[in-house]
Amino acid sequence: MTRTAGPLRVLVVCRANVCRSPLARAVLRTSLGDGVDVVAAGTHAPVGSPACSLVRARVEAEAWLPPTTGAHAVTVADLRSADLVLGADRTVCADVIALLPAARPRVFTLREAGPVARIALGSARDAARPAGARELVGRMPAARAIAWHADAAAATGRRRRGAGPVPPEGARWDVADGHLDDLAAHERTIDAVVAACHDLVDVLAHVLDEERAARS
């Protein structure tokens, strides 16, 4: 069960909670401020382990709020209390849903969340209803189908044009785990997490600003 009061609660999950999810938490917490409570966890977390060196270096370089705890294993309680769950990739999302099937409508990949939230915001505006953060998140499950349909249509167009290799359906929504690969792959993972977070922040920050203005 999600909350109906207090800041929007976002749970970011990756496999080990030492690279992708702590980085995403740092970006989201810094960018969104007190309007959102962001928690990070891992499906196979080495509990207590610190964030990896590349994450710590990027967080320091960007002056983002640093991780304050070691790796945390995701729990059913974490999932029940989250308004929005962001998995680093589809495998992580599947593991999360297996842990709490009722969370399925609130689970999105990190890369998926921004485009889906943007569609959900448009539908809220079209209905001439206030697009508060919780209302926006509540509209995201319906918006997901639109985003996936658009992605499939774009992939079909690329195939017809012969515009290079086309990844399997849904693959573009994943942030690959480059943590244990070479430096270049690890850096690509870091950049992909940051870009996906900024895409979501572009939508959420606007909605949160409107909520603050409405309260003032």
C-alpha atoms as a PDB file:
ATOM      1  CA  MET A   1       0.000   0.000   0.000  1.00  0.00           C
ATOM      2  CA  THR A   2       1.366   3.414  -0.965  1.00  0.00           C
ATOM      3  CA  ARG A   3       1.107   6.530   1.165  1.00  0.00           C
ATOM      4  CA  THR A   4      -1.381   9.327   0.643  1.00  0.00           C
ATOM      5  CA  ALA A   5       0.471  12.027   2.592  1.00  0.00           C
ATOM      6  CA  GLY A   6       4.023  13.322   2.901  1.00  0.00           C
ATOM      7  CA  PRO A   7       6.638  13.530   0.148  1.00  0.00           C
ATOM      8  CA  LEU A   8       6.396  11.249  -2.865  1.00  0.00           C
ATOM      9  CA  ARG A   9       8.473   8.159  -2.067  1.00  0.00           C
ATOM     10  CA  VAL A  10      10.648   6.762  -4.861  1.00  0.00           C
ATOM     11  CA  LEU A  11      12.515   3.470  -4.512  1.00  0.00           C
ATOM     12  CA  VAL A  12      15.417   2.894  -6.922  1.00  0.00           C
ATOM     13  CA  VAL A  13      16.616  -0.689  -7.265  1.00  0.00           C
ATOM     14  CA  CYS A  14      19.538  -2.317  -9.050  1.00  0.00           C
ATOM     15  CA  ARG A  15      21.272  -5.637  -8.459  1.00  0.00           C
ATOM     16  CA  ALA A  16      23.980  -4.843  -5.898  1.00  0.00           C
ATOM     17  CA  ASN A  17      23.039  -1.319  -4.759  1.00  0.00           C
ATOM     18  CA  VAL A  18      26.625  -0.149  -5.217  1.00  0.00           C
ATOM     19  CA  CYS A  19      26.483   1.538  -8.634  1.00  0.00           C
ATOM     20  CA  ARG A  20      23.296   2.267 -10.554  1.00  0.00           C
ATOM     21  CA  SER A  21      20.777   2.738  -7.736  1.00  0.00           C
ATOM     22  CA  PRO A  22      22.923   4.802  -5.330  1.00  0.00           C
ATOM     23  CA  LEU A  23      23.902   7.052  -8.227  1.00  0.00           C
ATOM     24  CA  ALA A  24      20.271   7.481  -9.265  1.00  0.00           C
ATOM     25  CA  ARG A  25      19.337   8.266  -5.674  1.00  0.00           C
ATOM     26  CA  ALA A  26      22.036  10.951  -5.495  1.00  0.00           C
ATOM     27  CA  VAL A  27      20.858  12.614  -8.716  1.00  0.00           C
ATOM     28  CA  LEU A  28      17.160  12.474  -7.821  1.00  0.00           C
ATOM     29  CA  ARG A  29      17.606  13.645  -4.224  1.00  0.00           C
ATOM     30  CA  THR A  30      19.762  16.587  -5.262  1.00  0.00           C
ATOM     31  CA  SER A  31      17.572  17.598  -8.205  1.00  0.00           C
ATOM     32  CA  LEU A  32      14.154  17.212  -6.567  1.00  0.00           C
ATOM     33  CA  GLY A  33      14.907  18.293  -3.010  1.00  0.00           C
ATOM     34  CA  ASP A  34      12.485  17.790  -0.156  1.00  0.00           C
ATOM     35  CA  GLY A  35       9.520  17.155  -2.423  1.00  0.00           C
ATOM     36  CA  VAL A  36      10.591  13.555  -2.949  1.00  0.00           C
ATOM     37  CA  ASP A  37      11.909  10.917  -0.563  1.00  0.00           C
ATOM     38  CA  VAL A  38      14.334   8.688  -2.500  1.00  0.00           C
ATOM     39  CA  VAL A  39      15.550   5.311  -1.235  1.00  0.00           C
ATOM     40  CA  ALA A  40      17.958   2.918  -2.973  1.00  0.00           C
ATOM     41  CA  ALA A  41      18.269  -0.846  -2.620  1.00  0.00           C
ATOM     42  CA  GLY A  42      19.510  -3.960  -4.398  1.00  0.00           C
ATOM     43  CA  THR A  43      17.991  -7.325  -5.251  1.00  0.00           C
ATOM     44  CA  HIS A  44      21.306  -9.073  -4.461  1.00  0.00           C
ATOM     45  CA  ALA A  45      22.981  -6.432  -2.320  1.00  0.00           C
ATOM     46  CA  PRO A  46      26.226  -7.128  -0.428  1.00  0.00           C
ATOM     47  CA  VAL A  47      24.772  -5.454   2.649  1.00  0.00           C
ATOM     48  CA  GLY A  48      26.825  -2.561   3.984  1.00  0.00           C
ATOM     49  CA  SER A  49      29.163  -2.291   0.980  1.00  0.00           C
ATOM     50  CA  PRO A  50      29.910   1.285  -0.149  1.00  0.00           C
ATOM     51  CA  ALA A  51      29.050   2.735  -3.533  1.00  0.00           C
ATOM     52  CA  CYS A  52      31.666   2.008  -6.186  1.00  0.00           C
ATOM     53  CA  SER A  53      34.566   4.379  -6.758  1.00  0.00           C
ATOM     54  CA  LEU A  54      33.206   5.745 -10.053  1.00  0.00           C
ATOM     55  CA  VAL A  55      29.898   6.628  -8.449  1.00  0.00           C
ATOM     56  CA  ARG A  56      31.599   8.316  -5.513  1.00  0.00           C
ATOM     57  CA  ALA A  57      33.855  10.288  -7.876  1.00  0.00           C
ATOM     58  CA  ARG A  58      30.952  11.426 -10.088  1.00  0.00           C
ATOM     59  CA  VAL A  59      28.812  12.396  -7.106  1.00  0.00           C
ATOM     60  CA  GLU A  60      31.650  14.461  -5.651  1.00  0.00           C
ATOM     61  CA  ALA A  61      32.470  16.087  -8.998  1.00  0.00           C
ATOM     62  CA  GLU A  62      28.839  17.120  -9.545  1.00  0.00           C
ATOM     63  CA  ALA A  63      28.277  18.123  -5.886  1.00  0.00           C
ATOM     64  CA  TRP A  64      25.281  15.787  -5.633  1.00  0.00           C
ATOM     65  CA  LEU A  65      24.117  14.581  -2.223  1.00  0.00           C
ATOM     66  CA  PRO A  66      26.319  11.544  -1.506  1.00  0.00           C
ATOM     67  CA  PRO A  67      25.121   8.079  -0.464  1.00  0.00           C
ATOM     68  CA  THR A  68      24.854   8.030   3.328  1.00  0.00           C
ATOM     69  CA  THR A  69      24.550   4.282   3.917  1.00  0.00           C
ATOM     70  CA  GLY A  70      26.019   1.091   2.533  1.00  0.00           C
ATOM     71  CA  ALA A  71      24.243  -1.369   0.258  1.00  0.00           C
ATOM     72  CA  HIS A  72      20.733  -2.305   1.356  1.00  0.00           C
ATOM     73  CA  ALA A  73      18.759  -5.390   0.301  1.00  0.00           C
ATOM     74  CA  VAL A  74      15.310  -4.519  -0.987  1.00  0.00           C
ATOM     75  CA  THR A  75      12.452  -5.708   1.212  1.00  0.00           C
ATOM     76  CA  VAL A  76       8.715  -6.164   0.870  1.00  0.00           C
ATOM     77  CA  ALA A  77       8.306  -3.236   3.274  1.00  0.00           C
ATOM     78  CA  ASP A  78      10.373  -1.031   0.937  1.00  0.00           C
ATOM     79  CA  LEU A  79       8.098  -1.927  -1.958  1.00  0.00           C
ATOM     80  CA  ARG A  80       4.887  -1.455  -0.030  1.00  0.00           C
ATOM     81  CA  SER A  81       5.878   2.036   1.098  1.00  0.00           C
ATOM     82  CA  ALA A  82       7.019   3.267  -2.339  1.00  0.00           C
ATOM     83  CA  ASP A  83       4.800   5.330  -4.609  1.00  0.00           C
ATOM     84  CA  LEU A  84       7.118   4.676  -7.548  1.00  0.00           C
ATOM     85  CA  VAL A  85       9.680   1.886  -8.001  1.00  0.00           C
ATOM     86  CA  LEU A  86      12.480   2.343 -10.538  1.00  0.00           C
ATOM     87  CA  GLY A  87      14.438  -0.738 -11.557  1.00  0.00           C
ATOM     88  CA  ALA A  88      17.752  -0.334 -13.337  1.00  0.00           C
ATOM     89  CA  ASP A  89      16.733  -2.892 -15.968  1.00  0.00           C
ATOM     90  CA  ARG A  90      13.926  -5.317 -16.804  1.00  0.00           C
ATOM     91  CA  THR A  91      15.573  -8.203 -14.934  1.00  0.00           C
ATOM     92  CA  VAL A  92      15.700  -6.152 -11.748  1.00  0.00           C
ATOM     93  CA  CYS A  93      12.069  -5.156 -12.278  1.00  0.00           C
ATOM     94  CA  ALA A  94      11.105  -8.823 -12.657  1.00  0.00           C
ATOM     95  CA  ASP A  95      12.917  -9.698  -9.424  1.00  0.00           C
ATOM     96  CA  VAL A  96      11.127  -6.879  -7.614  1.00  0.00           C
ATOM     97  CA  ILE A  97       7.725  -7.942  -8.914  1.00  0.00           C
ATOM     98  CA  ALA A  98       8.428 -11.532  -7.875  1.00  0.00           C
ATOM     99  CA  LEU A  99       9.061 -10.256  -4.353  1.00  0.00           C
ATOM    100  CA  LEU A 100       5.770  -8.326  -4.252  1.00  0.00           C
ATOM    101  CA  PRO A 101       3.476  -8.996  -7.251  1.00  0.00           C
ATOM    102  CA  ALA A 102       1.049  -6.280  -6.116  1.00  0.00           C
ATOM    103  CA  ALA A 103       3.751  -3.682  -6.818  1.00  0.00           C
ATOM    104  CA  ARG A 104       3.727  -4.403 -10.560  1.00  0.00           C
ATOM    105  CA  PRO A 105       1.771  -1.278 -11.650  1.00  0.00           C
ATOM    106  CA  ARG A 106       4.248   0.972  -9.797  1.00  0.00           C
ATOM    107  CA  VAL A 107       7.413  -0.655 -11.198  1.00  0.00           C
ATOM    108  CA  PHE A 108       9.189   0.914 -14.173  1.00  0.00           C
ATOM    109  CA  THR A 109      12.714   0.772 -15.482  1.00  0.00           C
ATOM    110  CA  LEU A 110      14.765   3.881 -14.825  1.00  0.00           C
ATOM    111  CA  ARG A 111      14.931   4.715 -18.524  1.00  0.00           C
ATOM    112  CA  GLU A 112      11.245   4.023 -19.035  1.00  0.00           C
ATOM    113  CA  ALA A 113      10.045   6.320 -16.259  1.00  0.00           C
ATOM    114  CA  GLY A 114      10.828   9.682 -17.878  1.00  0.00           C
ATOM    115  CA  PRO A 115       9.005   9.092 -21.189  1.00  0.00           C
ATOM    116  CA  VAL A 116       6.076   7.437 -19.405  1.00  0.00           C
ATOM    117  CA  ALA A 117       5.795  10.283 -16.879  1.00  0.00           C
ATOM    118  CA  ARG A 118       5.809  12.792 -19.728  1.00  0.00           C
ATOM    119  CA  ILE A 119       2.903  10.989 -21.394  1.00  0.00           C
ATOM    120  CA  ALA A 120       1.070  10.787 -18.055  1.00  0.00           C
ATOM    121  CA  LEU A 121       1.551  14.523 -17.512  1.00  0.00           C
ATOM    122  CA  GLY A 122       0.033  15.231 -20.917  1.00  0.00           C
ATOM    123  CA  SER A 123      -3.012  13.101 -20.117  1.00  0.00           C
ATOM    124  CA  ALA A 124      -3.481  14.912 -16.807  1.00  0.00           C
ATOM    125  CA  ARG A 125      -3.385  18.268 -18.557  1.00  0.00           C
ATOM    126  CA  ASP A 126      -5.783  17.101 -21.261  1.00  0.00           C
ATOM    127  CA  ALA A 127      -8.261  16.124 -18.554  1.00  0.00           C
ATOM    128  CA  ALA A 128      -7.934  19.614 -17.020  1.00  0.00           C
ATOM    129  CA  ARG A 129      -7.140  18.108 -13.622  1.00  0.00           C
ATOM    130  CA  PRO A 130      -4.306  19.116 -11.309  1.00  0.00           C
ATOM    131  CA  ALA A 131      -1.201  17.060 -12.091  1.00  0.00           C
ATOM    132  CA  GLY A 132       0.136  16.592  -8.576  1.00  0.00           C
ATOM    133  CA  ALA A 133       3.048  14.218  -8.121  1.00  0.00           C
ATOM    134  CA  ARG A 134       0.925  11.349  -6.802  1.00  0.00           C
ATOM    135  CA  GLU A 135      -1.727  11.841  -9.453  1.00  0.00           C
ATOM    136  CA  LEU A 136       1.005  11.832 -12.071  1.00  0.00           C
ATOM    137  CA  VAL A 137       2.461   8.579 -10.740  1.00  0.00           C
ATOM    138  CA  GLY A 138      -1.049   7.129 -10.567  1.00  0.00           C
ATOM    139  CA  ARG A 139      -1.475   7.781 -14.287  1.00  0.00           C
ATOM    140  CA  MET A 140       1.833   6.196 -15.264  1.00  0.00           C
ATOM    141  CA  PRO A 141       0.631   2.560 -15.561  1.00  0.00           C
ATOM    142  CA  ALA A 142      -1.868   3.532 -18.274  1.00  0.00           C
ATOM    143  CA  ALA A 143       0.726   5.727 -19.997  1.00  0.00           C
ATOM    144  CA  ARG A 144       3.208   2.829 -20.142  1.00  0.00           C
ATOM    145  CA  ALA A 145       1.270   1.113 -22.931  1.00  0.00           C
ATOM    146  CA  ILE A 146       1.430   4.266 -25.051  1.00  0.00           C
ATOM    147  CA  ALA A 147       5.199   4.562 -24.557  1.00  0.00           C
ATOM    148  CA  TRP A 148       5.819   0.918 -25.444  1.00  0.00           C
ATOM    149  CA  HIS A 149       3.583   1.159 -28.516  1.00  0.00           C
ATOM    150  CA  ALA A 150       5.518   4.212 -29.718  1.00  0.00           C
ATOM    151  CA  ASP A 151       8.812   2.405 -29.117  1.00  0.00           C
ATOM    152  CA  ALA A 152       7.645  -0.651 -31.075  1.00  0.00           C
ATOM    153  CA  ALA A 153       6.406   1.530 -33.929  1.00  0.00           C
ATOM    154  CA  ALA A 154       9.734   3.350 -34.088  1.00  0.00           C
ATOM    155  CA  ALA A 155      11.613   0.022 -34.139  1.00  0.00           C
ATOM    156  CA  THR A 156       9.410  -1.212 -36.990  1.00  0.00           C
ATOM    157  CA  GLY A 157      10.168   1.954 -38.921  1.00  0.00           C
ATOM    158  CA  ARG A 158      13.910   1.484 -38.440  1.00  0.00           C
ATOM    159  CA  ARG A 159      13.704  -2.109 -39.662  1.00  0.00           C
ATOM    160  CA  ARG A 160      11.798  -1.078 -42.774  1.00  0.00           C
ATOM    161  CA  ARG A 161      14.335   1.625 -43.540  1.00  0.00           C
ATOM    162  CA  GLY A 162      17.234  -0.731 -42.896  1.00  0.00           C
ATOM    163  CA  ALA A 163      18.621   1.805 -40.433  1.00  0.00           C
ATOM    164  CA  GLY A 164      21.126  -0.492 -38.744  1.00  0.00           C
ATOM    165  CA  PRO A 165      20.556  -3.130 -36.070  1.00  0.00           C
ATOM    166  CA  VAL A 166      17.401  -2.817 -33.993  1.00  0.00           C
ATOM    167  CA  PRO A 167      17.578  -3.985 -30.354  1.00  0.00           C
ATOM    168  CA  PRO A 168      15.004  -6.483 -29.057  1.00  0.00           C
ATOM    169  CA  GLU A 169      11.680  -5.023 -27.954  1.00  0.00           C
ATOM    170  CA  GLY A 170      12.046  -3.220 -24.643  1.00  0.00           C
ATOM    171  CA  ALA A 171      15.843  -3.449 -24.557  1.00  0.00           C
ATOM    172  CA  ARG A 172      16.305   0.295 -24.873  1.00  0.00           C
ATOM    173  CA  TRP A 173      14.589   0.753 -21.523  1.00  0.00           C
ATOM    174  CA  ASP A 174      17.440  -1.039 -19.699  1.00  0.00           C
ATOM    175  CA  VAL A 175      20.514   0.555 -18.141  1.00  0.00           C
ATOM    176  CA  ALA A 176      23.107  -2.173 -18.608  1.00  0.00           C
ATOM    177  CA  ASP A 177      25.146  -3.165 -15.572  1.00  0.00           C
ATOM    178  CA  GLY A 178      28.670  -2.187 -16.584  1.00  0.00           C
ATOM    179  CA  HIS A 179      29.936  -2.183 -13.014  1.00  0.00           C
ATOM    180  CA  LEU A 180      32.011  -5.355 -13.413  1.00  0.00           C
ATOM    181  CA  ASP A 181      33.000  -4.757 -17.051  1.00  0.00           C
ATOM    182  CA  ASP A 182      35.821  -2.607 -18.363  1.00  0.00           C
ATOM    183  CA  LEU A 183      36.165   1.074 -17.522  1.00  0.00           C
ATOM    184  CA  ALA A 184      34.500   2.248 -20.722  1.00  0.00           C
ATOM    185  CA  ALA A 185      31.416   0.087 -20.089  1.00  0.00           C
ATOM    186  CA  HIS A 186      31.275   1.244 -16.475  1.00  0.00           C
ATOM    187  CA  GLU A 187      31.410   4.878 -17.536  1.00  0.00           C
ATOM    188  CA  ARG A 188      28.640   4.290 -20.090  1.00  0.00           C
ATOM    189  CA  THR A 189      26.496   2.897 -17.296  1.00  0.00           C
ATOM    190  CA  ILE A 190      27.173   5.958 -15.144  1.00  0.00           C
ATOM    191  CA  ASP A 191      26.248   8.294 -18.005  1.00  0.00           C
ATOM    192  CA  ALA A 192      23.092   6.305 -18.811  1.00  0.00           C
ATOM    193  CA  VAL A 193      21.872   6.470 -15.207  1.00  0.00           C
ATOM    194  CA  VAL A 194      22.428  10.221 -15.056  1.00  0.00           C
ATOM    195  CA  ALA A 195      20.654  10.824 -18.367  1.00  0.00           C
ATOM    196  CA  ALA A 196      17.663   8.700 -17.348  1.00  0.00           C
ATOM    197  CA  CYS A 197      17.386  10.511 -14.024  1.00  0.00           C
ATOM    198  CA  HIS A 198      17.490  13.916 -15.682  1.00  0.00           C
ATOM    199  CA  ASP A 199      14.749  12.823 -18.084  1.00  0.00           C
ATOM    200  CA  LEU A 200      12.487  11.966 -15.143  1.00  0.00           C
ATOM    201  CA  VAL A 201      13.514  15.075 -13.203  1.00  0.00           C
ATOM    202  CA  ASP A 202      12.443  17.277 -16.125  1.00  0.00           C
ATOM    203  CA  VAL A 203       8.869  16.093 -15.568  1.00  0.00           C
ATOM    204  CA  LEU A 204       8.723  15.671 -11.794  1.00  0.00           C
ATOM    205  CA  ALA A 205      10.431  18.954 -10.946  1.00  0.00           C
ATOM    206  CA  HIS A 206       7.861  20.884 -12.982  1.00  0.00           C
ATOM    207  CA  VAL A 207       4.977  19.108 -11.240  1.00  0.00           C
ATOM    208  CA  LEU A 208       6.508  19.633  -7.796  1.00  0.00           C
ATOM    209  CA  ASP A 209       7.021  23.337  -8.536  1.00  0.00           C
ATOM    210  CA  GLU A 210       3.342  23.628  -9.440  1.00  0.00           C
ATOM    211  CA  GLU A 211       2.357  21.868  -6.206  1.00  0.00           C
ATOM    212  CA  ARG A 212       4.480  24.256  -4.138  1.00  0.00           C
ATOM    213  CA  ALA A 213       3.011  27.253  -5.946  1.00  0.00           C
ATOM    214  CA  ALA A 214      -0.521  25.983  -5.305  1.00  0.00           C
ATOM    215  CA  ARG A 215       0.203  25.691  -1.569  1.00  0.00           C
ATOM    216  CA  SER A 216       1.748  29.158  -1.248  1.00  0.00           C
END
